[in-house]
N, C-alpha and C. Protein backbone atom coordinates (compact mmCIF):
# COMPACT_ATOMS: atom_id res chain seq x y z
N MET A 1 0.58 -1.18 0.14
CA MET A 1 0.13 0.09 -0.11
C MET A 1 0.86 1.18 0.02
N THR A 2 1.96 1.24 0.67
CA THR A 2 2.92 2.41 0.58
C THR A 2 3.24 2.92 -0.68
N THR A 3 3.12 2.17 -2.08
CA THR A 3 3.24 2.67 -3.28
C THR A 3 2.08 3.58 -3.45
N ALA A 4 0.93 3.14 -3.30
CA ALA A 4 -0.37 4.02 -3.47
C ALA A 4 -0.23 5.08 -2.78
N VAL A 5 0.00 5.02 -1.42
CA VAL A 5 0.04 6.15 -0.52
C VAL A 5 1.19 7.34 -0.99
N ASN A 6 2.14 6.69 -1.42
CA ASN A 6 3.34 7.66 -1.88
C ASN A 6 2.81 8.29 -3.29
N ASP A 7 2.32 7.31 -4.18
CA ASP A 7 1.70 8.05 -5.46
C ASP A 7 0.97 9.17 -5.09
N LEU A 8 -0.11 9.12 -4.29
CA LEU A 8 -0.97 10.19 -4.00
C LEU A 8 -0.38 11.25 -3.27
N LEU A 9 0.49 11.06 -2.46
CA LEU A 9 1.30 12.16 -1.76
C LEU A 9 1.98 12.80 -2.85
N GLU A 10 2.69 12.13 -3.80
CA GLU A 10 3.55 12.86 -4.82
C GLU A 10 2.67 13.61 -5.86
N ALA A 11 1.33 13.09 -6.07
CA ALA A 11 0.60 13.75 -7.07
C ALA A 11 -0.10 15.03 -6.57
N HIS A 12 0.03 15.41 -5.22
CA HIS A 12 -0.71 16.55 -4.61
C HIS A 12 0.04 17.80 -5.13
N PRO A 13 -0.87 18.80 -5.56
CA PRO A 13 -0.05 20.04 -6.18
C PRO A 13 0.48 20.94 -5.20
N ALA A 14 0.18 20.64 -3.79
CA ALA A 14 0.68 21.53 -2.84
C ALA A 14 1.21 20.52 -1.74
N PRO A 15 2.06 19.81 -1.75
CA PRO A 15 2.45 18.85 -0.71
C PRO A 15 3.05 19.53 0.68
N ALA A 16 2.70 18.77 1.62
CA ALA A 16 3.03 19.32 2.90
C ALA A 16 4.67 19.31 3.11
N GLU A 17 5.43 20.20 3.80
CA GLU A 17 6.84 20.10 3.84
C GLU A 17 7.28 19.37 5.10
N VAL A 18 6.91 17.95 4.92
CA VAL A 18 7.30 16.99 6.02
C VAL A 18 8.00 15.95 5.29
N ASP A 19 8.70 15.19 6.20
CA ASP A 19 9.31 13.79 5.70
C ASP A 19 8.46 13.06 4.94
N ARG A 20 8.38 12.96 3.56
CA ARG A 20 7.27 12.31 2.93
C ARG A 20 7.26 10.83 3.23
N GLY A 21 8.32 10.09 3.45
CA GLY A 21 8.62 8.77 3.76
C GLY A 21 7.87 8.46 5.25
N ALA A 22 8.12 9.43 6.02
CA ALA A 22 7.69 9.13 7.57
C ALA A 22 6.21 9.48 7.29
N LEU A 23 5.83 10.20 6.56
CA LEU A 23 4.27 10.59 6.44
C LEU A 23 3.67 9.47 5.74
N ALA A 24 3.91 9.10 4.75
CA ALA A 24 3.39 7.74 3.90
C ALA A 24 3.35 6.51 5.03
N ALA A 25 4.49 6.17 5.45
CA ALA A 25 4.47 5.17 6.41
C ALA A 25 3.56 5.39 7.56
N CYS A 26 3.40 6.42 7.93
CA CYS A 26 2.57 6.66 9.31
C CYS A 26 1.21 6.44 8.74
N ILE A 27 0.74 7.16 7.56
CA ILE A 27 -0.69 6.90 6.94
C ILE A 27 -0.92 5.29 6.66
N GLU A 28 0.04 4.64 6.12
CA GLU A 28 -0.31 3.07 6.12
C GLU A 28 -0.50 2.33 7.26
N GLU A 29 0.53 2.75 8.25
CA GLU A 29 0.46 2.10 9.41
C GLU A 29 -0.80 2.29 10.23
N CYS A 30 -1.29 3.55 10.32
CA CYS A 30 -2.63 3.91 10.82
C CYS A 30 -3.81 3.15 10.30
N MET A 31 -3.77 3.15 8.95
CA MET A 31 -4.98 2.47 8.36
C MET A 31 -4.97 0.86 8.60
N ALA A 32 -3.48 0.18 8.62
CA ALA A 32 -3.64 -1.04 8.90
C ALA A 32 -3.83 -1.47 10.31
N CYS A 33 -3.60 -0.39 11.19
CA CYS A 33 -3.70 -0.75 12.63
C CYS A 33 -5.40 -0.55 12.92
N ALA A 34 -5.98 0.38 12.26
CA ALA A 34 -7.32 0.41 12.23
C ALA A 34 -8.15 -0.92 12.06
N GLN A 35 -7.74 -1.25 11.00
CA GLN A 35 -8.34 -2.64 10.60
C GLN A 35 -7.83 -3.87 11.52
N ALA A 36 -6.65 -3.80 12.11
CA ALA A 36 -6.39 -4.87 13.02
C ALA A 36 -7.38 -4.72 14.28
N CYS A 37 -7.44 -3.55 14.87
CA CYS A 37 -8.12 -3.40 16.13
C CYS A 37 -9.61 -3.72 15.74
N THR A 38 -10.22 -3.33 14.66
CA THR A 38 -11.50 -3.73 14.36
C THR A 38 -11.63 -5.28 14.27
N ALA A 39 -10.75 -5.91 13.70
CA ALA A 39 -10.98 -7.20 13.56
C ALA A 39 -10.67 -7.93 14.98
N CYS A 40 -9.66 -7.38 15.74
CA CYS A 40 -9.43 -7.95 17.28
C CYS A 40 -10.84 -7.65 17.92
N ALA A 41 -11.44 -6.78 17.78
CA ALA A 41 -12.51 -6.37 18.77
C ALA A 41 -13.68 -7.21 18.40
N ASP A 42 -13.86 -7.57 17.15
CA ASP A 42 -14.73 -8.47 16.49
C ASP A 42 -14.74 -9.92 17.17
N ALA A 43 -13.31 -10.25 16.91
CA ALA A 43 -12.82 -11.65 17.57
C ALA A 43 -13.04 -11.86 18.84
N CYS A 44 -12.69 -10.58 19.56
CA CYS A 44 -12.96 -10.76 21.10
C CYS A 44 -14.49 -11.06 21.29
N LEU A 45 -15.45 -10.35 20.74
CA LEU A 45 -16.94 -10.74 20.82
C LEU A 45 -17.39 -12.02 20.56
N ALA A 46 -16.43 -12.76 19.76
CA ALA A 46 -16.82 -14.14 19.43
C ALA A 46 -16.23 -15.19 20.56
N GLU A 47 -15.34 -14.72 21.31
CA GLU A 47 -14.77 -15.56 22.22
C GLU A 47 -15.89 -15.93 23.42
N GLN A 48 -15.47 -17.29 23.90
CA GLN A 48 -16.31 -17.61 24.91
C GLN A 48 -16.33 -16.79 26.20
N GLU A 49 -15.18 -16.34 26.66
CA GLU A 49 -15.21 -15.31 27.93
C GLU A 49 -15.14 -14.05 27.59
N VAL A 50 -16.28 -13.57 26.60
CA VAL A 50 -16.19 -12.14 26.24
C VAL A 50 -16.31 -11.28 27.48
N GLY A 51 -16.88 -11.46 28.37
CA GLY A 51 -16.95 -10.63 29.65
C GLY A 51 -15.43 -10.39 30.14
N THR A 52 -14.57 -11.02 30.07
CA THR A 52 -13.21 -10.74 30.39
C THR A 52 -12.33 -10.03 29.49
N LEU A 53 -12.91 -9.86 28.40
CA LEU A 53 -12.19 -9.19 27.18
C LEU A 53 -13.04 -7.85 27.05
N ARG A 54 -13.87 -7.32 27.80
CA ARG A 54 -14.56 -6.03 27.83
C ARG A 54 -13.59 -4.89 27.66
N ARG A 55 -12.69 -4.94 28.25
CA ARG A 55 -11.46 -3.48 28.25
C ARG A 55 -10.64 -3.79 27.00
N CYS A 56 -10.39 -5.04 26.54
CA CYS A 56 -9.63 -5.19 25.40
C CYS A 56 -10.62 -4.54 24.07
N ILE A 57 -11.89 -5.01 24.18
CA ILE A 57 -12.75 -4.77 23.20
C ILE A 57 -12.93 -2.93 22.78
N ARG A 58 -12.89 -2.47 24.21
CA ARG A 58 -13.03 -0.99 24.37
C ARG A 58 -11.76 -0.28 23.78
N THR A 59 -10.58 -0.84 24.17
CA THR A 59 -9.13 -0.23 23.69
C THR A 59 -9.05 -0.44 22.34
N ASP A 60 -9.64 -1.56 21.74
CA ASP A 60 -9.60 -1.86 20.23
C ASP A 60 -10.31 -0.82 19.51
N ALA A 61 -11.68 -0.60 19.94
CA ALA A 61 -12.38 0.43 19.36
C ALA A 61 -12.02 1.69 19.34
N ASP A 62 -11.52 2.27 20.57
CA ASP A 62 -10.83 3.43 20.76
C ASP A 62 -9.76 3.68 19.78
N CYS A 63 -8.72 2.65 19.60
CA CYS A 63 -7.59 2.76 18.99
C CYS A 63 -8.09 2.84 17.39
N ALA A 64 -8.78 1.82 17.02
CA ALA A 64 -9.42 1.95 15.52
C ALA A 64 -9.83 3.28 15.24
N ASP A 65 -10.61 3.95 15.93
CA ASP A 65 -11.22 5.30 15.69
C ASP A 65 -10.06 6.14 15.53
N LEU A 66 -9.02 6.21 16.51
CA LEU A 66 -7.93 7.28 16.49
C LEU A 66 -7.10 7.11 15.25
N CYS A 67 -6.87 5.90 15.22
CA CYS A 67 -5.94 5.44 13.94
C CYS A 67 -6.62 5.93 12.57
N GLU A 68 -7.82 5.69 12.27
CA GLU A 68 -8.37 6.10 11.16
C GLU A 68 -8.57 7.51 11.04
N THR A 69 -8.91 8.11 12.13
CA THR A 69 -8.82 9.76 11.86
C THR A 69 -7.60 10.12 11.77
N THR A 70 -6.28 9.62 12.25
CA THR A 70 -5.17 9.99 12.17
C THR A 70 -4.70 9.95 10.75
N GLY A 71 -5.01 8.72 10.14
CA GLY A 71 -4.58 8.49 8.70
C GLY A 71 -5.45 9.49 7.72
N ARG A 72 -6.59 9.68 8.07
CA ARG A 72 -7.24 10.73 7.15
C ARG A 72 -6.93 12.19 7.19
N VAL A 73 -6.64 12.60 8.68
CA VAL A 73 -6.08 13.81 8.71
C VAL A 73 -4.68 13.95 8.08
N LEU A 74 -3.80 13.20 8.23
CA LEU A 74 -2.38 13.20 7.66
C LEU A 74 -2.65 12.96 6.04
N SER A 75 -3.60 12.58 5.48
CA SER A 75 -3.89 12.48 4.15
C SER A 75 -4.11 13.80 3.42
N ARG A 76 -4.53 14.64 4.30
CA ARG A 76 -4.78 16.01 3.86
C ARG A 76 -3.60 17.06 3.85
N GLN A 77 -3.20 17.19 2.91
CA GLN A 77 -1.78 18.13 2.81
C GLN A 77 -2.04 19.55 2.47
N ALA A 78 -3.05 20.14 2.11
CA ALA A 78 -3.18 21.25 1.77
C ALA A 78 -3.46 22.21 3.09
N THR A 79 -2.56 23.27 3.27
CA THR A 79 -2.60 24.09 4.40
C THR A 79 -2.60 23.28 5.68
N VAL A 80 -1.73 22.38 5.90
CA VAL A 80 -1.42 21.45 7.11
C VAL A 80 -1.44 22.55 8.36
N ASP A 81 -1.91 22.00 9.40
CA ASP A 81 -1.70 22.66 10.82
C ASP A 81 -0.87 21.86 11.43
N ILE A 82 0.38 22.03 11.80
CA ILE A 82 1.23 21.26 12.34
C ILE A 82 0.86 20.92 13.81
N ASP A 83 0.24 21.83 14.52
CA ASP A 83 -0.30 21.72 15.80
C ASP A 83 -1.47 20.69 15.95
N VAL A 84 -2.37 20.68 15.03
CA VAL A 84 -3.42 19.58 14.74
C VAL A 84 -2.76 18.35 14.51
N ALA A 85 -1.81 18.42 13.45
CA ALA A 85 -1.16 16.97 13.12
C ALA A 85 -0.37 16.30 14.21
N GLY A 86 0.12 17.36 15.15
CA GLY A 86 0.81 16.98 16.35
C GLY A 86 -0.13 16.33 17.32
N ALA A 87 -1.07 16.87 17.40
CA ALA A 87 -2.29 16.39 18.64
C ALA A 87 -2.68 15.06 18.15
N VAL A 88 -3.12 14.96 16.66
CA VAL A 88 -3.64 13.68 16.40
C VAL A 88 -2.55 12.57 16.44
N LEU A 89 -1.15 12.98 16.03
CA LEU A 89 -0.26 11.76 16.24
C LEU A 89 -0.12 11.51 17.57
N ARG A 90 0.16 12.62 18.52
CA ARG A 90 0.10 12.26 19.98
C ARG A 90 -0.87 11.21 20.52
N ALA A 91 -2.30 11.47 20.10
CA ALA A 91 -3.40 10.76 20.76
C ALA A 91 -3.36 9.41 19.90
N CYS A 92 -2.93 9.11 18.83
CA CYS A 92 -2.83 8.01 18.11
C CYS A 92 -1.83 7.15 18.68
N ALA A 93 -0.62 7.78 19.06
CA ALA A 93 0.45 7.02 19.70
C ALA A 93 0.07 6.55 21.17
N ALA A 94 -0.63 7.21 21.90
CA ALA A 94 -1.39 6.88 23.14
C ALA A 94 -2.43 6.02 23.15
N ALA A 95 -3.15 5.95 22.17
CA ALA A 95 -4.31 4.89 21.95
C ALA A 95 -3.48 3.53 21.55
N CYS A 96 -2.51 3.70 20.57
CA CYS A 96 -1.96 2.46 20.03
C CYS A 96 -1.08 1.86 21.34
N SER A 97 -0.45 2.43 22.21
CA SER A 97 0.23 2.15 23.39
C SER A 97 -0.70 1.38 24.28
N ALA A 98 -1.85 2.07 24.61
CA ALA A 98 -2.97 1.51 25.52
C ALA A 98 -3.50 0.21 25.02
N CYS A 99 -3.78 0.16 23.62
CA CYS A 99 -4.42 -0.87 23.06
C CYS A 99 -3.28 -2.24 23.10
N ALA A 100 -2.09 -1.86 22.71
CA ALA A 100 -1.10 -2.70 22.70
C ALA A 100 -0.86 -3.40 24.03
N GLN A 101 -0.81 -2.69 25.29
CA GLN A 101 -0.75 -2.97 26.48
C GLN A 101 -1.83 -4.15 26.90
N GLU A 102 -3.06 -3.62 26.65
CA GLU A 102 -4.30 -4.55 26.88
C GLU A 102 -4.21 -5.77 26.07
N CYS A 103 -4.07 -5.74 24.87
CA CYS A 103 -4.05 -6.99 24.04
C CYS A 103 -2.74 -7.99 24.38
N GLU A 104 -1.71 -7.30 24.67
CA GLU A 104 -0.47 -8.14 25.12
C GLU A 104 -0.98 -8.93 26.45
N GLN A 105 -1.95 -8.64 27.23
CA GLN A 105 -2.46 -9.44 28.43
C GLN A 105 -3.06 -10.79 27.91
N HIS A 106 -3.71 -10.66 26.86
CA HIS A 106 -4.31 -11.66 26.09
C HIS A 106 -3.81 -12.54 25.28
N ALA A 107 -2.60 -12.02 24.87
CA ALA A 107 -1.72 -12.55 23.56
C ALA A 107 -1.38 -14.11 23.63
N SER A 108 -1.39 -14.67 24.97
CA SER A 108 -0.93 -16.02 25.01
C SER A 108 -2.23 -16.93 24.67
N MET A 109 -3.30 -16.33 24.88
CA MET A 109 -4.51 -17.22 24.81
C MET A 109 -5.27 -17.08 23.34
N HIS A 110 -5.09 -15.69 22.85
CA HIS A 110 -5.69 -15.36 21.57
C HIS A 110 -4.77 -14.60 20.62
N THR A 111 -4.79 -15.42 19.42
CA THR A 111 -3.68 -14.99 18.43
C THR A 111 -4.14 -13.64 17.88
N HIS A 112 -5.35 -13.27 17.89
CA HIS A 112 -5.82 -11.96 17.30
C HIS A 112 -5.45 -10.89 18.30
N CYS A 113 -5.37 -11.20 19.53
CA CYS A 113 -4.86 -9.94 20.45
C CYS A 113 -3.31 -9.92 20.16
N ARG A 114 -2.44 -11.09 19.83
CA ARG A 114 -1.19 -10.75 19.67
C ARG A 114 -0.76 -10.26 18.44
N LEU A 115 -1.45 -10.52 17.49
CA LEU A 115 -1.40 -9.86 16.15
C LEU A 115 -1.66 -8.20 16.26
N CYS A 116 -2.89 -7.86 17.12
CA CYS A 116 -3.24 -6.78 17.10
C CYS A 116 -2.28 -5.89 17.84
N ALA A 117 -1.77 -6.43 19.05
CA ALA A 117 -0.62 -5.77 19.84
C ALA A 117 0.54 -5.41 18.92
N GLU A 118 0.82 -6.44 18.21
CA GLU A 118 2.07 -6.10 17.35
C GLU A 118 1.85 -4.90 16.23
N ARG A 119 0.62 -5.12 15.62
CA ARG A 119 0.26 -3.90 14.77
C ARG A 119 0.28 -2.60 15.65
N CYS A 120 -0.23 -2.50 16.78
CA CYS A 120 -0.32 -1.44 17.54
C CYS A 120 0.92 -0.69 17.87
N ARG A 121 1.99 -1.47 18.28
CA ARG A 121 3.37 -1.28 18.47
C ARG A 121 3.94 -0.63 17.42
N THR A 122 3.71 -1.26 16.09
CA THR A 122 4.25 -0.71 14.93
C THR A 122 3.58 0.74 14.38
N CYS A 123 2.37 0.80 14.60
CA CYS A 123 1.74 2.04 14.27
C CYS A 123 2.17 3.19 15.45
N GLU A 124 2.26 2.93 16.50
CA GLU A 124 2.78 3.87 17.75
C GLU A 124 4.24 4.35 17.34
N ALA A 125 5.06 3.22 16.74
CA ALA A 125 6.42 3.89 16.28
C ALA A 125 6.40 4.74 15.09
N ALA A 126 5.56 4.48 14.22
CA ALA A 126 5.42 5.19 13.04
C ALA A 126 4.92 6.71 13.27
N CYS A 127 4.01 6.77 14.23
CA CYS A 127 3.30 8.07 14.71
C CYS A 127 4.50 8.83 15.34
N ARG A 128 5.31 8.25 16.28
CA ARG A 128 6.38 8.81 17.14
C ARG A 128 7.46 9.39 15.98
N ARG A 129 7.84 8.68 15.03
CA ARG A 129 8.86 8.83 14.03
C ARG A 129 8.37 10.12 13.30
N LEU A 130 7.07 10.21 12.93
CA LEU A 130 6.53 11.51 12.00
C LEU A 130 6.38 12.57 12.90
N LEU A 131 6.08 12.38 14.44
CA LEU A 131 6.22 13.48 15.32
C LEU A 131 7.61 14.03 15.61
N ASP A 132 8.61 13.16 15.48
CA ASP A 132 10.00 13.61 15.55
C ASP A 132 10.29 14.36 14.46
N SER A 133 10.10 13.89 13.15
CA SER A 133 10.41 14.49 11.98
C SER A 133 9.56 16.10 12.00
N LEU A 134 8.46 16.23 12.51
CA LEU A 134 7.60 17.43 12.64
C LEU A 134 8.42 18.37 13.38
N ALA A 135 8.83 17.85 14.55
CA ALA A 135 9.67 18.65 15.57
C ALA A 135 11.05 19.12 15.02
N ASP A 136 11.63 18.28 14.26
CA ASP A 136 13.05 18.75 13.63
C ASP A 136 12.85 19.79 12.40
N GLY A 137 11.48 19.81 11.83
CA GLY A 137 11.47 20.36 10.61
C GLY A 137 10.84 21.81 11.25
């Protein structure tokens, strides 16, 4: 997907002045994480002990929403507001961290939680890399 994301970023007539590689990677990771969290929440709902997964389902849903929103905000390059971009990146990183911590508690019993935690950690790292590049720029 990075190629498609890169192609669209490159085609923009007024691209944002940010590290394009970090931006593309972050958008891709946010969208992939939103999907993983949505799938994990759904899988948790199908588990026998769904009551013990209530917090996991909630953190999955919160993370999916924040990741999708972050990916969408970052995809808009015209007149970027760095303060807003930074705020959504920090919120997304925090949600990914919380979701990964919760899913890691269930990872030994549920493969979907292990995979979700891995995706959340990857997305959190991508958000932090982009944040660092914004601070440097």
